[in-house]
Amino acid sequence: MNNSWLIPLLILIFVLIWGLSVYNQLVNLRNLAKNAFSNIDVMLKKRYDLIPQLVQTVKAYMTYEKEILENITTLRNQAIAHDNSENQKVQINNQLSDAIGNLMLSVEAYPELKASKNFLHLQRSIAEVEEQLSASRRSYNMAITQLNTKTESIPSNLIANWFGFERKPLFKATATEKKQIDVSISTSKN
């Protein structure tokens, strides 16, 4: 009895089981990333709903910041377009975060706006949404990092390439978020 076929058969079975295992891990990581991105979408929807209110409130006070307001409105409209890919959403929302940050920095020049109850309420609401969005981005980045690592690592990259798993971009801190924040408190009364 010749068992020379037994070793190649065992190797083939091992490779097949390994390949299925890697494929299932990649699917799991991709689904975790999609779920994390869906959580970001929920927070972005809240943000998008607040932006028109913010623009209207600020527009009444800010006469010289028209370009910033128009940029925010344009980016919001681009962001809510339904034909954006996941990568485009990431890029547009990074730009939108930067634009909102620039607007909040510009508010410093308008004391009557900073004192407006409506603006203060909107500012708190936006800060809360941004905090939740930041947590969702961290979760998304963690899932994407795991997926990207698996798709780039040898030998799992063979399975990833074969089945079309691709690298995904991370959400990054925008230029405004990276700036040094002035936390000094004015003690003088106006």
C-alpha atoms as a PDB file:
ATOM      1  CA  MET A   1       0.000   0.000   0.000  1.00  0.00           C
ATOM      2  CA  ASN A   2       1.475   3.327  -1.102  1.00  0.00           C
ATOM      3  CA  ASN A   3       0.770   6.339   1.176  1.00  0.00           C
ATOM      4  CA  SER A   4       2.756   8.884  -0.828  1.00  0.00           C
ATOM      5  CA  TRP A   5      -0.438  10.864  -1.529  1.00  0.00           C
ATOM      6  CA  LEU A   6      -1.237  11.216   2.204  1.00  0.00           C
ATOM      7  CA  ILE A   7       1.346  13.943   2.970  1.00  0.00           C
ATOM      8  CA  PRO A   8       0.368  16.211   0.032  1.00  0.00           C
ATOM      9  CA  LEU A   9      -3.306  15.709   0.969  1.00  0.00           C
ATOM     10  CA  LEU A  10      -2.618  16.714   4.587  1.00  0.00           C
ATOM     11  CA  ILE A  11      -0.671  19.762   3.420  1.00  0.00           C
ATOM     12  CA  LEU A  12      -3.518  20.721   1.087  1.00  0.00           C
ATOM     13  CA  ILE A  13      -6.082  20.339   3.885  1.00  0.00           C
ATOM     14  CA  PHE A  14      -3.911  22.409   6.239  1.00  0.00           C
ATOM     15  CA  VAL A  15      -3.503  25.201   3.642  1.00  0.00           C
ATOM     16  CA  LEU A  16      -7.237  25.162   2.932  1.00  0.00           C
ATOM     17  CA  ILE A  17      -8.137  25.393   6.643  1.00  0.00           C
ATOM     18  CA  TRP A  18      -5.554  28.144   7.147  1.00  0.00           C
ATOM     19  CA  GLY A  19      -6.906  30.079   4.132  1.00  0.00           C
ATOM     20  CA  LEU A  20     -10.492  29.806   5.389  1.00  0.00           C
ATOM     21  CA  SER A  21      -9.408  30.934   8.839  1.00  0.00           C
ATOM     22  CA  VAL A  22      -7.581  33.995   7.483  1.00  0.00           C
ATOM     23  CA  TYR A  23     -10.512  34.844   5.198  1.00  0.00           C
ATOM     24  CA  ASN A  24     -12.951  34.663   8.124  1.00  0.00           C
ATOM     25  CA  GLN A  25     -10.681  36.886  10.227  1.00  0.00           C
ATOM     26  CA  LEU A  26     -10.536  39.447   7.410  1.00  0.00           C
ATOM     27  CA  VAL A  27     -14.333  39.400   7.033  1.00  0.00           C
ATOM     28  CA  ASN A  28     -14.707  39.876  10.787  1.00  0.00           C
ATOM     29  CA  LEU A  29     -12.292  42.830  10.790  1.00  0.00           C
ATOM     30  CA  ARG A  30     -13.988  44.385   7.764  1.00  0.00           C
ATOM     31  CA  ASN A  31     -17.387  44.093   9.481  1.00  0.00           C
ATOM     32  CA  LEU A  32     -16.007  45.636  12.681  1.00  0.00           C
ATOM     33  CA  ALA A  33     -14.667  48.536  10.611  1.00  0.00           C
ATOM     34  CA  LYS A  34     -18.030  48.969   8.855  1.00  0.00           C
ATOM     35  CA  ASN A  35     -19.807  48.981  12.209  1.00  0.00           C
ATOM     36  CA  ALA A  36     -17.384  51.568  13.581  1.00  0.00           C
ATOM     37  CA  PHE A  37     -17.894  53.709  10.467  1.00  0.00           C
ATOM     38  CA  SER A  38     -21.670  53.444  10.938  1.00  0.00           C
ATOM     39  CA  ASN A  39     -21.234  54.834  14.455  1.00  0.00           C
ATOM     40  CA  ILE A  40     -19.298  57.743  12.970  1.00  0.00           C
ATOM     41  CA  ASP A  41     -22.124  58.278  10.475  1.00  0.00           C
ATOM     42  CA  VAL A  42     -24.612  58.635  13.341  1.00  0.00           C
ATOM     43  CA  MET A  43     -22.460  61.327  14.963  1.00  0.00           C
ATOM     44  CA  LEU A  44     -21.869  63.029  11.618  1.00  0.00           C
ATOM     45  CA  LYS A  45     -25.639  63.185  11.035  1.00  0.00           C
ATOM     46  CA  LYS A  46     -26.015  65.006  14.360  1.00  0.00           C
ATOM     47  CA  ARG A  47     -23.212  67.344  13.342  1.00  0.00           C
ATOM     48  CA  TYR A  48     -24.748  67.984   9.925  1.00  0.00           C
ATOM     49  CA  ASP A  49     -28.067  68.845  11.586  1.00  0.00           C
ATOM     50  CA  LEU A  50     -26.369  71.420  13.840  1.00  0.00           C
ATOM     51  CA  ILE A  51     -24.333  73.131  11.119  1.00  0.00           C
ATOM     52  CA  PRO A  52     -27.184  75.107   9.468  1.00  0.00           C
ATOM     53  CA  GLN A  53     -28.256  76.408  12.889  1.00  0.00           C
ATOM     54  CA  LEU A  54     -24.686  77.385  13.681  1.00  0.00           C
ATOM     55  CA  VAL A  55     -24.216  79.141  10.347  1.00  0.00           C
ATOM     56  CA  GLN A  56     -27.481  81.094  10.733  1.00  0.00           C
ATOM     57  CA  THR A  57     -26.667  82.142  14.295  1.00  0.00           C
ATOM     58  CA  VAL A  58     -23.125  83.204  13.440  1.00  0.00           C
ATOM     59  CA  LYS A  59     -24.105  84.913  10.186  1.00  0.00           C
ATOM     60  CA  ALA A  60     -26.054  87.570  12.084  1.00  0.00           C
ATOM     61  CA  TYR A  61     -22.917  88.615  13.981  1.00  0.00           C
ATOM     62  CA  MET A  62     -20.028  87.896  11.657  1.00  0.00           C
ATOM     63  CA  THR A  63     -19.780  90.200   8.698  1.00  0.00           C
ATOM     64  CA  TYR A  64     -16.184  89.429   7.747  1.00  0.00           C
ATOM     65  CA  GLU A  65     -16.225  85.648   8.003  1.00  0.00           C
ATOM     66  CA  LYS A  66     -18.389  84.967   4.955  1.00  0.00           C
ATOM     67  CA  GLU A  67     -15.750  82.731   3.345  1.00  0.00           C
ATOM     68  CA  ILE A  68     -15.544  80.464   6.401  1.00  0.00           C
ATOM     69  CA  LEU A  69     -19.340  80.119   6.547  1.00  0.00           C
ATOM     70  CA  GLU A  70     -19.578  79.374   2.830  1.00  0.00           C
ATOM     71  CA  ASN A  71     -16.800  76.780   3.125  1.00  0.00           C
ATOM     72  CA  ILE A  72     -18.605  75.042   6.008  1.00  0.00           C
ATOM     73  CA  THR A  73     -21.870  75.008   4.064  1.00  0.00           C
ATOM     74  CA  THR A  74     -20.170  73.646   0.941  1.00  0.00           C
ATOM     75  CA  LEU A  75     -18.367  70.920   2.877  1.00  0.00           C
ATOM     76  CA  ARG A  76     -21.582  69.954   4.690  1.00  0.00           C
ATOM     77  CA  ASN A  77     -23.391  69.611   1.369  1.00  0.00           C
ATOM     78  CA  GLN A  78     -20.552  67.499  -0.018  1.00  0.00           C
ATOM     79  CA  ALA A  79     -20.536  65.354   3.105  1.00  0.00           C
ATOM     80  CA  ILE A  80     -24.248  64.535   2.994  1.00  0.00           C
ATOM     81  CA  ALA A  81     -24.085  63.544  -0.684  1.00  0.00           C
ATOM     82  CA  HIS A  82     -25.052  59.897  -0.950  1.00  0.00           C
ATOM     83  CA  ASP A  83     -22.539  58.994  -3.641  1.00  0.00           C
ATOM     84  CA  ASN A  84     -19.430  59.484  -1.489  1.00  0.00           C
ATOM     85  CA  SER A  85     -17.170  56.522  -0.920  1.00  0.00           C
ATOM     86  CA  GLU A  86     -15.960  55.772   2.581  1.00  0.00           C
ATOM     87  CA  ASN A  87     -12.570  57.291   1.730  1.00  0.00           C
ATOM     88  CA  GLN A  88     -14.212  60.470   0.393  1.00  0.00           C
ATOM     89  CA  LYS A  89     -16.327  60.760   3.556  1.00  0.00           C
ATOM     90  CA  VAL A  90     -13.194  60.557   5.680  1.00  0.00           C
ATOM     91  CA  GLN A  91     -11.449  63.299   3.660  1.00  0.00           C
ATOM     92  CA  ILE A  92     -14.465  65.628   3.520  1.00  0.00           C
ATOM     93  CA  ASN A  93     -15.189  65.268   7.225  1.00  0.00           C
ATOM     94  CA  ASN A  94     -11.575  65.942   8.125  1.00  0.00           C
ATOM     95  CA  GLN A  95     -11.861  69.192   6.123  1.00  0.00           C
ATOM     96  CA  LEU A  96     -15.205  69.988   7.776  1.00  0.00           C
ATOM     97  CA  SER A  97     -13.704  69.499  11.245  1.00  0.00           C
ATOM     98  CA  ASP A  98     -10.939  71.906  10.320  1.00  0.00           C
ATOM     99  CA  ALA A  99     -13.427  74.494   8.993  1.00  0.00           C
ATOM    100  CA  ILE A 100     -15.602  74.305  12.122  1.00  0.00           C
ATOM    101  CA  GLY A 101     -12.470  74.684  14.242  1.00  0.00           C
ATOM    102  CA  ASN A 102     -11.501  77.798  12.261  1.00  0.00           C
ATOM    103  CA  LEU A 103     -14.991  79.199  12.785  1.00  0.00           C
ATOM    104  CA  MET A 104     -14.784  78.640  16.536  1.00  0.00           C
ATOM    105  CA  LEU A 105     -11.420  80.423  16.579  1.00  0.00           C
ATOM    106  CA  SER A 106     -12.933  83.344  14.637  1.00  0.00           C
ATOM    107  CA  VAL A 107     -15.719  83.686  17.201  1.00  0.00           C
ATOM    108  CA  GLU A 108     -13.182  85.084  19.657  1.00  0.00           C
ATOM    109  CA  ALA A 109     -13.289  88.388  17.774  1.00  0.00           C
ATOM    110  CA  TYR A 110     -17.047  88.773  18.360  1.00  0.00           C
ATOM    111  CA  PRO A 111     -17.821  89.252  22.072  1.00  0.00           C
ATOM    112  CA  GLU A 112     -21.542  89.812  21.505  1.00  0.00           C
ATOM    113  CA  LEU A 113     -21.742  86.485  19.648  1.00  0.00           C
ATOM    114  CA  LYS A 114     -19.901  84.681  22.443  1.00  0.00           C
ATOM    115  CA  ALA A 115     -22.503  86.085  24.871  1.00  0.00           C
ATOM    116  CA  SER A 116     -25.510  84.975  22.775  1.00  0.00           C
ATOM    117  CA  LYS A 117     -27.523  82.258  24.558  1.00  0.00           C
ATOM    118  CA  ASN A 118     -28.415  80.628  21.259  1.00  0.00           C
ATOM    119  CA  PHE A 119     -24.770  80.488  20.215  1.00  0.00           C
ATOM    120  CA  LEU A 120     -23.667  79.185  23.622  1.00  0.00           C
ATOM    121  CA  HIS A 121     -26.268  76.410  23.406  1.00  0.00           C
ATOM    122  CA  LEU A 122     -25.131  75.508  19.884  1.00  0.00           C
ATOM    123  CA  GLN A 123     -21.500  75.622  20.953  1.00  0.00           C
ATOM    124  CA  ARG A 124     -22.208  73.170  23.803  1.00  0.00           C
ATOM    125  CA  SER A 125     -24.186  70.904  21.466  1.00  0.00           C
ATOM    126  CA  ILE A 126     -21.419  70.904  18.883  1.00  0.00           C
ATOM    127  CA  ALA A 127     -18.773  70.269  21.542  1.00  0.00           C
ATOM    128  CA  GLU A 128     -20.774  67.264  22.778  1.00  0.00           C
ATOM    129  CA  VAL A 129     -21.179  65.877  19.261  1.00  0.00           C
ATOM    130  CA  GLU A 130     -17.484  66.452  18.539  1.00  0.00           C
ATOM    131  CA  GLU A 131     -16.549  64.566  21.716  1.00  0.00           C
ATOM    132  CA  GLN A 132     -18.768  61.623  20.725  1.00  0.00           C
ATOM    133  CA  LEU A 133     -17.417  61.810  17.198  1.00  0.00           C
ATOM    134  CA  SER A 134     -13.873  61.701  18.534  1.00  0.00           C
ATOM    135  CA  ALA A 135     -14.664  58.519  20.490  1.00  0.00           C
ATOM    136  CA  SER A 136     -16.249  56.967  17.389  1.00  0.00           C
ATOM    137  CA  ARG A 137     -13.200  57.904  15.311  1.00  0.00           C
ATOM    138  CA  ARG A 138     -10.890  56.233  17.814  1.00  0.00           C
ATOM    139  CA  SER A 139     -12.974  53.057  17.607  1.00  0.00           C
ATOM    140  CA  TYR A 140     -12.979  53.223  13.805  1.00  0.00           C
ATOM    141  CA  ASN A 141      -9.218  53.828  13.645  1.00  0.00           C
ATOM    142  CA  MET A 142      -8.592  50.850  15.908  1.00  0.00           C
ATOM    143  CA  ALA A 143     -10.722  48.579  13.690  1.00  0.00           C
ATOM    144  CA  ILE A 144      -9.109  49.918  10.501  1.00  0.00           C
ATOM    145  CA  THR A 145      -5.607  49.501  11.922  1.00  0.00           C
ATOM    146  CA  GLN A 146      -6.340  45.850  12.698  1.00  0.00           C
ATOM    147  CA  LEU A 147      -7.779  45.302   9.206  1.00  0.00           C
ATOM    148  CA  ASN A 148      -4.884  47.109   7.512  1.00  0.00           C
ATOM    149  CA  THR A 149      -2.338  45.130   9.536  1.00  0.00           C
ATOM    150  CA  LYS A 150      -3.966  41.857   8.562  1.00  0.00           C
ATOM    151  CA  THR A 151      -4.172  42.811   4.873  1.00  0.00           C
ATOM    152  CA  GLU A 152      -0.496  43.825   4.799  1.00  0.00           C
ATOM    153  CA  SER A 153       1.015  41.040   6.907  1.00  0.00           C
ATOM    154  CA  ILE A 154       2.617  38.047   5.280  1.00  0.00           C
ATOM    155  CA  PRO A 155       1.143  35.484   4.586  1.00  0.00           C
ATOM    156  CA  SER A 156      -2.413  36.747   5.248  1.00  0.00           C
ATOM    157  CA  ASN A 157      -1.873  39.418   2.584  1.00  0.00           C
ATOM    158  CA  LEU A 158      -2.054  36.631  -0.018  1.00  0.00           C
ATOM    159  CA  ILE A 159      -5.635  35.824   0.995  1.00  0.00           C
ATOM    160  CA  ALA A 160      -6.481  39.541   1.387  1.00  0.00           C
ATOM    161  CA  ASN A 161      -5.215  40.355  -2.123  1.00  0.00           C
ATOM    162  CA  TRP A 162      -6.908  37.325  -3.626  1.00  0.00           C
ATOM    163  CA  PHE A 163     -10.309  38.315  -2.204  1.00  0.00           C
ATOM    164  CA  GLY A 164      -9.919  42.064  -2.753  1.00  0.00           C
ATOM    165  CA  PHE A 165      -9.496  43.323   0.809  1.00  0.00           C
ATOM    166  CA  GLU A 166      -7.947  46.792   0.648  1.00  0.00           C
ATOM    167  CA  ARG A 167      -6.296  49.265   3.005  1.00  0.00           C
ATOM    168  CA  LYS A 168      -8.621  51.898   4.420  1.00  0.00           C
ATOM    169  CA  PRO A 169      -7.675  55.437   5.467  1.00  0.00           C
ATOM    170  CA  LEU A 170      -7.679  56.490   9.099  1.00  0.00           C
ATOM    171  CA  PHE A 171      -9.486  59.535  10.430  1.00  0.00           C
ATOM    172  CA  LYS A 172      -6.752  62.026  11.272  1.00  0.00           C
ATOM    173  CA  ALA A 173      -6.615  65.058  13.492  1.00  0.00           C
ATOM    174  CA  THR A 174      -7.170  68.161  11.418  1.00  0.00           C
ATOM    175  CA  ALA A 175      -4.828  71.149  11.367  1.00  0.00           C
ATOM    176  CA  THR A 176      -7.119  73.077  13.713  1.00  0.00           C
ATOM    177  CA  GLU A 177      -7.284  70.182  16.175  1.00  0.00           C
ATOM    178  CA  LYS A 178      -3.465  70.049  16.250  1.00  0.00           C
ATOM    179  CA  LYS A 179      -3.069  73.748  17.100  1.00  0.00           C
ATOM    180  CA  GLN A 180      -2.054  74.840  20.567  1.00  0.00           C
ATOM    181  CA  ILE A 181      -5.180  75.906  22.446  1.00  0.00           C
ATOM    182  CA  ASP A 182      -5.146  79.099  24.468  1.00  0.00           C
ATOM    183  CA  VAL A 183      -6.545  78.181  27.881  1.00  0.00           C
ATOM    184  CA  SER A 184      -5.785  81.458  29.594  1.00  0.00           C
ATOM    185  CA  ILE A 185      -8.710  82.959  31.497  1.00  0.00           C
ATOM    186  CA  SER A 186      -9.323  86.669  31.394  1.00  0.00           C
ATOM    187  CA  THR A 187      -9.911  88.095  34.854  1.00  0.00           C
ATOM    188  CA  SER A 188     -10.797  91.602  33.729  1.00  0.00           C
ATOM    189  CA  LYS A 189     -14.453  92.644  33.716  1.00  0.00           C
ATOM    190  CA  ASN A 190     -15.946  94.458  30.753  1.00  0.00           C
END
